[in-house]
Amino acid sequence: MKKTKLIYRIVTVLFSLMVAMAVVMYFAKYDMVVETLTSLGYPVYLIYPLAAVKTLGLVAIWSDKSAILKEWAYAGFTFVLLLATSAHYNVGDGQFGAPLFELVLLYLSYFFYKKLEKEA
């Protein structure tokens, strides 16, 4: 169980850092984010709601208050990252690697979270 918990925490920290960096970039490099979203065909008004939802999603994943909320956070991140990967791939800008890597980290985090639940 210790090994599973350690792997879960490492993978979840890596995932959380990537998401947190994206949220910070939404505010620190707003013009660049506007340009990227526009090139992907998404409306600019999504920037602040995405930042808020991603922040709340991280809070839900790290807190043990509600298992259902944690499940929904994992699901929400899955949808966002699938759409981001697909959008970057379809536009052909070559930047689909980061969201795809985040998706892999998210999957591993969820896998080890479920494994920890079974072991407990």
N, C-alpha and C. Protein backbone atom coordinates (compact mmCIF):
# COMPACT_ATOMS: atom_id res chain seq x y z
N MET A 1 0.82 -1.21 0.00
CA MET A 1 0.00 0.00 0.00
C MET A 1 0.86 1.26 0.00
N LYS A 2 2.00 1.21 0.67
CA LYS A 2 2.88 2.37 0.71
C LYS A 2 3.38 2.73 -0.69
N LYS A 3 3.74 1.68 -1.45
CA LYS A 3 4.24 1.89 -2.80
C LYS A 3 3.15 2.51 -3.68
N THR A 4 1.94 1.99 -3.58
CA THR A 4 0.81 2.50 -4.36
C THR A 4 0.52 3.95 -4.00
N LYS A 5 0.54 4.25 -2.71
CA LYS A 5 0.28 5.63 -2.27
C LYS A 5 1.36 6.58 -2.75
N LEU A 6 2.62 6.13 -2.72
CA LEU A 6 3.73 6.97 -3.18
C LEU A 6 3.59 7.26 -4.67
N ILE A 7 3.31 6.22 -5.46
CA ILE A 7 3.14 6.42 -6.90
C ILE A 7 1.96 7.34 -7.17
N TYR A 8 0.84 7.12 -6.46
CA TYR A 8 -0.33 7.98 -6.63
C TYR A 8 0.02 9.44 -6.36
N ARG A 9 0.71 9.67 -5.27
CA ARG A 9 1.05 11.07 -4.92
C ARG A 9 2.00 11.70 -5.92
N ILE A 10 3.00 10.97 -6.35
CA ILE A 10 3.97 11.52 -7.32
C ILE A 10 3.27 11.88 -8.62
N VAL A 11 2.48 10.96 -9.14
CA VAL A 11 1.79 11.19 -10.42
C VAL A 11 0.79 12.33 -10.28
N THR A 12 0.07 12.36 -9.16
CA THR A 12 -0.94 13.41 -8.95
C THR A 12 -0.28 14.77 -8.76
N VAL A 13 0.87 14.82 -8.10
CA VAL A 13 1.60 16.08 -7.96
C VAL A 13 2.06 16.58 -9.32
N LEU A 14 2.61 15.68 -10.15
CA LEU A 14 3.05 16.08 -11.49
C LEU A 14 1.88 16.61 -12.31
N PHE A 15 0.77 15.90 -12.26
CA PHE A 15 -0.43 16.35 -12.98
C PHE A 15 -0.88 17.71 -12.45
N SER A 16 -0.93 17.85 -11.14
CA SER A 16 -1.39 19.10 -10.52
C SER A 16 -0.49 20.28 -10.89
N LEU A 17 0.81 20.03 -10.94
CA LEU A 17 1.75 21.10 -11.31
C LEU A 17 1.51 21.56 -12.74
N MET A 18 1.26 20.61 -13.64
CA MET A 18 1.00 20.98 -15.03
C MET A 18 -0.29 21.79 -15.15
N VAL A 19 -1.32 21.37 -14.44
CA VAL A 19 -2.59 22.09 -14.48
C VAL A 19 -2.42 23.47 -13.84
N ALA A 20 -1.72 23.53 -12.72
CA ALA A 20 -1.51 24.82 -12.04
C ALA A 20 -0.71 25.78 -12.92
N MET A 21 0.28 25.26 -13.64
CA MET A 21 1.04 26.13 -14.54
C MET A 21 0.15 26.67 -15.65
N ALA A 22 -0.76 25.85 -16.14
CA ALA A 22 -1.69 26.32 -17.18
C ALA A 22 -2.60 27.41 -16.62
N VAL A 23 -3.09 27.22 -15.40
CA VAL A 23 -3.97 28.22 -14.79
C VAL A 23 -3.22 29.54 -14.60
N VAL A 24 -2.00 29.46 -14.13
CA VAL A 24 -1.20 30.68 -13.96
C VAL A 24 -0.97 31.36 -15.30
N MET A 25 -0.73 30.57 -16.33
CA MET A 25 -0.51 31.14 -17.66
C MET A 25 -1.76 31.85 -18.18
N TYR A 26 -2.94 31.37 -17.82
CA TYR A 26 -4.17 32.03 -18.25
C TYR A 26 -4.18 33.49 -17.82
N PHE A 27 -3.59 33.78 -16.68
CA PHE A 27 -3.57 35.15 -16.18
C PHE A 27 -2.28 35.88 -16.55
N ALA A 28 -1.13 35.21 -16.44
CA ALA A 28 0.16 35.86 -16.67
C ALA A 28 0.43 36.12 -18.15
N LYS A 29 -0.03 35.25 -19.01
CA LYS A 29 0.20 35.40 -20.45
C LYS A 29 -1.14 35.37 -21.18
N TYR A 30 -2.01 36.24 -20.75
CA TYR A 30 -3.38 36.28 -21.26
C TYR A 30 -3.42 36.43 -22.78
N ASP A 31 -2.60 37.34 -23.32
CA ASP A 31 -2.63 37.58 -24.77
C ASP A 31 -2.23 36.33 -25.56
N MET A 32 -1.24 35.60 -25.06
CA MET A 32 -0.81 34.39 -25.74
C MET A 32 -1.92 33.33 -25.69
N VAL A 33 -2.60 33.23 -24.55
CA VAL A 33 -3.68 32.26 -24.40
C VAL A 33 -4.84 32.63 -25.33
N VAL A 34 -5.14 33.91 -25.43
CA VAL A 34 -6.20 34.37 -26.35
C VAL A 34 -5.86 33.96 -27.78
N GLU A 35 -4.62 34.17 -28.16
CA GLU A 35 -4.19 33.82 -29.51
C GLU A 35 -4.30 32.30 -29.75
N THR A 36 -3.88 31.52 -28.77
CA THR A 36 -3.93 30.06 -28.91
C THR A 36 -5.37 29.57 -28.99
N LEU A 37 -6.22 30.05 -28.10
CA LEU A 37 -7.63 29.61 -28.12
C LEU A 37 -8.31 30.01 -29.41
N THR A 38 -8.02 31.20 -29.89
CA THR A 38 -8.61 31.67 -31.14
C THR A 38 -8.16 30.80 -32.31
N SER A 39 -6.87 30.44 -32.32
CA SER A 39 -6.36 29.60 -33.42
C SER A 39 -6.96 28.20 -33.38
N LEU A 40 -7.38 27.76 -32.18
CA LEU A 40 -8.00 26.44 -32.05
C LEU A 40 -9.50 26.47 -32.31
N GLY A 41 -10.03 27.68 -32.46
CA GLY A 41 -11.46 27.82 -32.75
C GLY A 41 -12.34 27.90 -31.52
N TYR A 42 -11.74 28.10 -30.36
CA TYR A 42 -12.52 28.23 -29.13
C TYR A 42 -12.75 29.70 -28.79
N PRO A 43 -13.86 30.03 -28.17
CA PRO A 43 -14.12 31.42 -27.80
C PRO A 43 -13.23 31.86 -26.63
N VAL A 44 -12.88 33.12 -26.64
CA VAL A 44 -11.97 33.69 -25.64
C VAL A 44 -12.60 33.72 -24.25
N TYR A 45 -13.93 33.81 -24.18
CA TYR A 45 -14.57 33.91 -22.87
C TYR A 45 -14.42 32.64 -22.04
N LEU A 46 -13.84 31.60 -22.59
CA LEU A 46 -13.63 30.36 -21.83
C LEU A 46 -12.42 30.43 -20.90
N ILE A 47 -11.56 31.42 -21.06
CA ILE A 47 -10.31 31.47 -20.31
C ILE A 47 -10.54 31.49 -18.81
N TYR A 48 -11.31 32.43 -18.33
CA TYR A 48 -11.50 32.54 -16.87
C TYR A 48 -12.33 31.39 -16.29
N PRO A 49 -13.41 30.96 -16.95
CA PRO A 49 -14.11 29.78 -16.42
C PRO A 49 -13.22 28.53 -16.39
N LEU A 50 -12.39 28.35 -17.42
CA LEU A 50 -11.47 27.21 -17.42
C LEU A 50 -10.50 27.28 -16.25
N ALA A 51 -9.98 28.47 -16.00
CA ALA A 51 -9.06 28.65 -14.87
C ALA A 51 -9.74 28.30 -13.55
N ALA A 52 -10.97 28.77 -13.39
CA ALA A 52 -11.70 28.50 -12.15
C ALA A 52 -12.03 27.02 -12.00
N VAL A 53 -12.51 26.41 -13.07
CA VAL A 53 -12.91 25.00 -13.01
C VAL A 53 -11.69 24.10 -12.79
N LYS A 54 -10.59 24.42 -13.44
CA LYS A 54 -9.38 23.61 -13.24
C LYS A 54 -8.88 23.73 -11.79
N THR A 55 -8.95 24.92 -11.24
CA THR A 55 -8.54 25.11 -9.84
C THR A 55 -9.45 24.32 -8.91
N LEU A 56 -10.74 24.42 -9.12
CA LEU A 56 -11.69 23.67 -8.29
C LEU A 56 -11.52 22.16 -8.48
N GLY A 57 -11.19 21.73 -9.69
CA GLY A 57 -10.94 20.32 -9.95
C GLY A 57 -9.75 19.80 -9.17
N LEU A 58 -8.70 20.60 -9.10
CA LEU A 58 -7.53 20.19 -8.31
C LEU A 58 -7.88 20.10 -6.83
N VAL A 59 -8.67 21.05 -6.36
CA VAL A 59 -9.10 21.01 -4.95
C VAL A 59 -9.90 19.74 -4.69
N ALA A 60 -10.78 19.40 -5.62
CA ALA A 60 -11.61 18.19 -5.46
C ALA A 60 -10.76 16.92 -5.46
N ILE A 61 -9.75 16.88 -6.30
CA ILE A 61 -8.90 15.69 -6.37
C ILE A 61 -8.07 15.53 -5.10
N TRP A 62 -7.57 16.64 -4.57
CA TRP A 62 -6.71 16.55 -3.39
C TRP A 62 -7.47 16.43 -2.08
N SER A 63 -8.71 16.87 -2.05
CA SER A 63 -9.45 16.77 -0.80
C SER A 63 -10.18 15.43 -0.75
N ASP A 64 -10.39 14.96 0.44
CA ASP A 64 -11.11 13.69 0.61
C ASP A 64 -12.51 13.93 1.15
N LYS A 65 -13.08 15.06 0.84
CA LYS A 65 -14.41 15.40 1.34
C LYS A 65 -15.51 14.62 0.66
N SER A 66 -15.40 14.45 -0.66
CA SER A 66 -16.46 13.80 -1.41
C SER A 66 -15.88 12.94 -2.53
N ALA A 67 -16.15 11.65 -2.46
CA ALA A 67 -15.68 10.74 -3.51
C ALA A 67 -16.36 11.02 -4.84
N ILE A 68 -17.63 11.40 -4.78
CA ILE A 68 -18.37 11.71 -6.02
C ILE A 68 -17.79 12.95 -6.70
N LEU A 69 -17.47 13.96 -5.90
CA LEU A 69 -16.88 15.18 -6.45
C LEU A 69 -15.52 14.88 -7.08
N LYS A 70 -14.76 14.01 -6.44
CA LYS A 70 -13.45 13.62 -6.97
C LYS A 70 -13.63 12.89 -8.30
N GLU A 71 -14.60 12.01 -8.39
CA GLU A 71 -14.88 11.29 -9.64
C GLU A 71 -15.24 12.28 -10.75
N TRP A 72 -16.09 13.25 -10.43
CA TRP A 72 -16.49 14.25 -11.42
C TRP A 72 -15.31 15.11 -11.85
N ALA A 73 -14.41 15.40 -10.92
CA ALA A 73 -13.22 16.18 -11.27
C ALA A 73 -12.35 15.40 -12.25
N TYR A 74 -12.15 14.12 -11.97
CA TYR A 74 -11.38 13.29 -12.91
C TYR A 74 -12.07 13.25 -14.28
N ALA A 75 -13.38 13.10 -14.28
CA ALA A 75 -14.13 13.06 -15.55
C ALA A 75 -14.00 14.39 -16.30
N GLY A 76 -14.14 15.49 -15.58
CA GLY A 76 -14.04 16.81 -16.21
C GLY A 76 -12.67 17.04 -16.82
N PHE A 77 -11.61 16.68 -16.09
CA PHE A 77 -10.26 16.82 -16.63
C PHE A 77 -10.08 15.93 -17.86
N THR A 78 -10.67 14.74 -17.83
CA THR A 78 -10.57 13.84 -18.98
C THR A 78 -11.16 14.49 -20.22
N PHE A 79 -12.36 15.06 -20.09
CA PHE A 79 -13.00 15.71 -21.23
C PHE A 79 -12.18 16.90 -21.73
N VAL A 80 -11.74 17.74 -20.82
CA VAL A 80 -10.97 18.93 -21.21
C VAL A 80 -9.68 18.53 -21.92
N LEU A 81 -9.00 17.53 -21.40
CA LEU A 81 -7.72 17.13 -22.00
C LEU A 81 -7.91 16.39 -23.32
N LEU A 82 -8.98 15.60 -23.43
CA LEU A 82 -9.27 14.97 -24.72
C LEU A 82 -9.57 16.02 -25.78
N LEU A 83 -10.38 17.02 -25.42
CA LEU A 83 -10.70 18.09 -26.37
C LEU A 83 -9.46 18.91 -26.73
N ALA A 84 -8.61 19.19 -25.75
CA ALA A 84 -7.39 19.96 -26.02
C ALA A 84 -6.45 19.19 -26.94
N THR A 85 -6.27 17.91 -26.65
CA THR A 85 -5.40 17.08 -27.50
C THR A 85 -5.95 17.02 -28.92
N SER A 86 -7.23 16.79 -29.04
CA SER A 86 -7.86 16.70 -30.35
C SER A 86 -7.77 18.03 -31.11
N ALA A 87 -8.02 19.12 -30.42
CA ALA A 87 -7.98 20.43 -31.07
C ALA A 87 -6.58 20.74 -31.60
N HIS A 88 -5.57 20.51 -30.77
CA HIS A 88 -4.20 20.78 -31.22
C HIS A 88 -3.81 19.85 -32.37
N TYR A 89 -4.20 18.60 -32.28
CA TYR A 89 -3.87 17.66 -33.35
C TYR A 89 -4.56 18.05 -34.66
N ASN A 90 -5.86 18.39 -34.58
CA ASN A 90 -6.62 18.72 -35.79
C ASN A 90 -6.18 20.03 -36.43
N VAL A 91 -5.73 20.98 -35.62
CA VAL A 91 -5.25 22.24 -36.18
C VAL A 91 -3.87 22.05 -36.79
N GLY A 92 -3.14 21.08 -36.27
CA GLY A 92 -1.81 20.78 -36.82
C GLY A 92 -0.72 21.69 -36.33
N ASP A 93 -0.89 22.24 -35.12
CA ASP A 93 0.15 23.13 -34.60
C ASP A 93 1.26 22.37 -33.86
N GLY A 94 1.14 21.05 -33.76
CA GLY A 94 2.18 20.25 -33.15
C GLY A 94 2.27 20.36 -31.63
N GLN A 95 1.27 20.94 -31.00
CA GLN A 95 1.32 21.14 -29.55
C GLN A 95 0.37 20.21 -28.80
N PHE A 96 0.08 19.06 -29.37
CA PHE A 96 -0.83 18.13 -28.71
C PHE A 96 -0.11 17.26 -27.67
N GLY A 97 1.21 17.34 -27.61
CA GLY A 97 1.99 16.51 -26.69
C GLY A 97 1.73 16.80 -25.23
N ALA A 98 1.65 18.08 -24.86
CA ALA A 98 1.44 18.44 -23.46
C ALA A 98 0.09 17.97 -22.93
N PRO A 99 -1.03 18.26 -23.63
CA PRO A 99 -2.29 17.76 -23.11
C PRO A 99 -2.38 16.22 -23.13
N LEU A 100 -1.72 15.60 -24.09
CA LEU A 100 -1.70 14.14 -24.13
C LEU A 100 -0.93 13.57 -22.94
N PHE A 101 0.20 14.19 -22.62
CA PHE A 101 0.98 13.78 -21.46
C PHE A 101 0.19 14.00 -20.17
N GLU A 102 -0.50 15.13 -20.08
CA GLU A 102 -1.36 15.39 -18.92
C GLU A 102 -2.45 14.33 -18.80
N LEU A 103 -2.99 13.91 -19.93
CA LEU A 103 -4.02 12.88 -19.95
C LEU A 103 -3.47 11.55 -19.42
N VAL A 104 -2.25 11.22 -19.79
CA VAL A 104 -1.61 10.00 -19.28
C VAL A 104 -1.41 10.11 -17.77
N LEU A 105 -0.91 11.27 -17.30
CA LEU A 105 -0.74 11.47 -15.86
C LEU A 105 -2.08 11.38 -15.13
N LEU A 106 -3.12 11.95 -15.73
CA LEU A 106 -4.45 11.89 -15.13
C LEU A 106 -4.92 10.45 -15.03
N TYR A 107 -4.73 9.69 -16.08
CA TYR A 107 -5.13 8.28 -16.06
C TYR A 107 -4.39 7.52 -14.96
N LEU A 108 -3.07 7.74 -14.87
CA LEU A 108 -2.29 7.04 -13.84
C LEU A 108 -2.74 7.45 -12.44
N SER A 109 -3.02 8.73 -12.26
CA SER A 109 -3.51 9.21 -10.97
C SER A 109 -4.82 8.52 -10.60
N TYR A 110 -5.72 8.46 -11.56
CA TYR A 110 -7.02 7.83 -11.32
C TYR A 110 -6.85 6.33 -11.07
N PHE A 111 -6.01 5.68 -11.83
CA PHE A 111 -5.77 4.25 -11.67
C PHE A 111 -5.27 3.94 -10.26
N PHE A 112 -4.28 4.71 -9.80
CA PHE A 112 -3.72 4.44 -8.47
C PHE A 112 -4.66 4.91 -7.36
N TYR A 113 -5.49 5.90 -7.63
CA TYR A 113 -6.52 6.31 -6.66
C TYR A 113 -7.50 5.16 -6.44
N LYS A 114 -7.94 4.55 -7.53
CA LYS A 114 -8.87 3.42 -7.43
C LYS A 114 -8.20 2.21 -6.77
N LYS A 115 -6.93 2.01 -7.06
CA LYS A 115 -6.19 0.91 -6.45
C LYS A 115 -6.07 1.13 -4.94
N LEU A 116 -5.84 2.36 -4.53
CA LEU A 116 -5.79 2.68 -3.10
C LEU A 116 -7.13 2.46 -2.43
N GLU A 117 -8.22 2.79 -3.12
CA GLU A 117 -9.56 2.56 -2.57
C GLU A 117 -9.79 1.07 -2.32
N LYS A 118 -9.36 0.23 -3.24
CA LYS A 118 -9.54 -1.21 -3.09
C LYS A 118 -8.70 -1.78 -1.96
N GLU A 119 -7.50 -1.22 -1.78
CA GLU A 119 -6.59 -1.71 -0.75
C GLU A 119 -7.04 -1.29 0.65
N ALA A 120 -7.78 -0.21 0.74
CA ALA A 120 -8.16 0.31 2.06
C ALA A 120 -9.23 -0.51 2.74
